[in-house]
Amino acid sequence: MHLVPAERAGQRTVDGHRVRDAIAAVGEPERVRAWADRFSLLSDPGRLSLLLALHEAGPIAVSDLPRC
């Protein structure tokens, strides 16, 4: 049987199994920070535009990339 973590034992949950799985899926804070750093690269509109262009067009010469 899956149980919610001890620190959440006093809180009402509708589905303890799902709560436990959701908490486990988040993982360690260091891992979350590493993913946040990776995704922060997409916060720049120019980088995101290039990524979207490459996703749509596939391989393309650097000289043909749109200027953003």
C-alpha atoms as a PDB file:
ATOM      1  CA  MET A   1       0.000   0.000   0.000  1.00  0.00           C
ATOM      2  CA  HIS A   2       1.300   3.470  -0.910  1.00  0.00           C
ATOM      3  CA  LEU A   3       1.284   6.005   1.865  1.00  0.00           C
ATOM      4  CA  VAL A   4       1.655   9.751   1.723  1.00  0.00           C
ATOM      5  CA  PRO A   5       4.875  11.086   3.239  1.00  0.00           C
ATOM      6  CA  ALA A   6       4.865  11.584   7.015  1.00  0.00           C
ATOM      7  CA  GLU A   7       5.008  15.388   6.690  1.00  0.00           C
ATOM      8  CA  ARG A   8       1.662  15.306   4.842  1.00  0.00           C
ATOM      9  CA  ALA A   9       0.005  12.707   7.087  1.00  0.00           C
ATOM     10  CA  GLY A  10      -2.142  15.326   8.831  1.00  0.00           C
ATOM     11  CA  GLN A  11      -3.503  16.771   5.596  1.00  0.00           C
ATOM     12  CA  ARG A  12      -6.680  15.479   4.038  1.00  0.00           C
ATOM     13  CA  THR A  13      -6.145  13.774   0.688  1.00  0.00           C
ATOM     14  CA  VAL A  14      -8.709  12.424  -1.728  1.00  0.00           C
ATOM     15  CA  ASP A  15      -6.431   9.835  -3.281  1.00  0.00           C
ATOM     16  CA  GLY A  16      -3.359   9.048  -1.216  1.00  0.00           C
ATOM     17  CA  HIS A  17      -1.876   6.782  -3.880  1.00  0.00           C
ATOM     18  CA  ARG A  18      -1.913   9.563  -6.463  1.00  0.00           C
ATOM     19  CA  VAL A  19      -0.572  12.121  -3.998  1.00  0.00           C
ATOM     20  CA  ARG A  20       2.320   9.820  -3.158  1.00  0.00           C
ATOM     21  CA  ASP A  21       3.051   9.166  -6.845  1.00  0.00           C
ATOM     22  CA  ALA A  22       2.850  12.889  -7.696  1.00  0.00           C
ATOM     23  CA  ILE A  23       5.258  13.807  -4.901  1.00  0.00           C
ATOM     24  CA  ALA A  24       7.647  11.048  -5.980  1.00  0.00           C
ATOM     25  CA  ALA A  25       7.494  12.253  -9.594  1.00  0.00           C
ATOM     26  CA  VAL A  26       8.701  15.719  -8.608  1.00  0.00           C
ATOM     27  CA  GLY A  27      11.892  14.222  -7.240  1.00  0.00           C
ATOM     28  CA  GLU A  28      14.805  15.864  -5.540  1.00  0.00           C
ATOM     29  CA  PRO A  29      15.066  19.681  -5.406  1.00  0.00           C
ATOM     30  CA  GLU A  30      18.466  19.575  -7.158  1.00  0.00           C
ATOM     31  CA  ARG A  31      16.918  17.698 -10.080  1.00  0.00           C
ATOM     32  CA  VAL A  32      14.057  20.200 -10.295  1.00  0.00           C
ATOM     33  CA  ARG A  33      16.537  23.107 -10.304  1.00  0.00           C
ATOM     34  CA  ALA A  34      18.558  21.455 -13.089  1.00  0.00           C
ATOM     35  CA  TRP A  35      15.436  21.081 -15.245  1.00  0.00           C
ATOM     36  CA  ALA A  36      14.410  24.677 -14.505  1.00  0.00           C
ATOM     37  CA  ASP A  37      17.851  25.840 -15.670  1.00  0.00           C
ATOM     38  CA  ARG A  38      17.467  23.863 -18.897  1.00  0.00           C
ATOM     39  CA  PHE A  39      14.023  25.264 -19.584  1.00  0.00           C
ATOM     40  CA  SER A  40      15.194  28.801 -18.797  1.00  0.00           C
ATOM     41  CA  LEU A  41      17.100  28.643 -22.076  1.00  0.00           C
ATOM     42  CA  LEU A  42      13.723  28.783 -23.819  1.00  0.00           C
ATOM     43  CA  SER A  43      12.757  32.017 -22.059  1.00  0.00           C
ATOM     44  CA  ASP A  44      14.759  33.985 -24.624  1.00  0.00           C
ATOM     45  CA  PRO A  45      12.451  34.730 -27.596  1.00  0.00           C
ATOM     46  CA  GLY A  46      15.301  34.449 -30.105  1.00  0.00           C
ATOM     47  CA  ARG A  47      16.358  31.006 -28.909  1.00  0.00           C
ATOM     48  CA  LEU A  48      12.784  29.780 -28.794  1.00  0.00           C
ATOM     49  CA  SER A  49      12.133  31.103 -32.301  1.00  0.00           C
ATOM     50  CA  LEU A  50      15.150  29.238 -33.647  1.00  0.00           C
ATOM     51  CA  LEU A  51      14.084  26.054 -31.894  1.00  0.00           C
ATOM     52  CA  LEU A  52      10.567  26.325 -33.338  1.00  0.00           C
ATOM     53  CA  ALA A  53      11.958  26.993 -36.824  1.00  0.00           C
ATOM     54  CA  LEU A  54      14.239  23.947 -36.590  1.00  0.00           C
ATOM     55  CA  HIS A  55      11.403  21.806 -35.281  1.00  0.00           C
ATOM     56  CA  GLU A  56       9.195  22.739 -38.232  1.00  0.00           C
ATOM     57  CA  ALA A  57      11.804  22.805 -40.999  1.00  0.00           C
ATOM     58  CA  GLY A  58      14.137  20.050 -39.864  1.00  0.00           C
ATOM     59  CA  PRO A  59      17.802  20.264 -40.793  1.00  0.00           C
ATOM     60  CA  ILE A  60      18.572  23.652 -42.303  1.00  0.00           C
ATOM     61  CA  ALA A  61      21.734  25.580 -43.140  1.00  0.00           C
ATOM     62  CA  VAL A  62      22.743  28.089 -40.479  1.00  0.00           C
ATOM     63  CA  SER A  63      22.736  30.831 -43.117  1.00  0.00           C
ATOM     64  CA  ASP A  64      19.085  30.060 -43.889  1.00  0.00           C
ATOM     65  CA  LEU A  65      17.854  30.352 -40.306  1.00  0.00           C
ATOM     66  CA  PRO A  66      15.471  33.247 -39.681  1.00  0.00           C
ATOM     67  CA  ARG A  67      16.882  36.228 -37.832  1.00  0.00           C
ATOM     68  CA  CYS A  68      15.046  36.780 -34.597  1.00  0.00           C
END
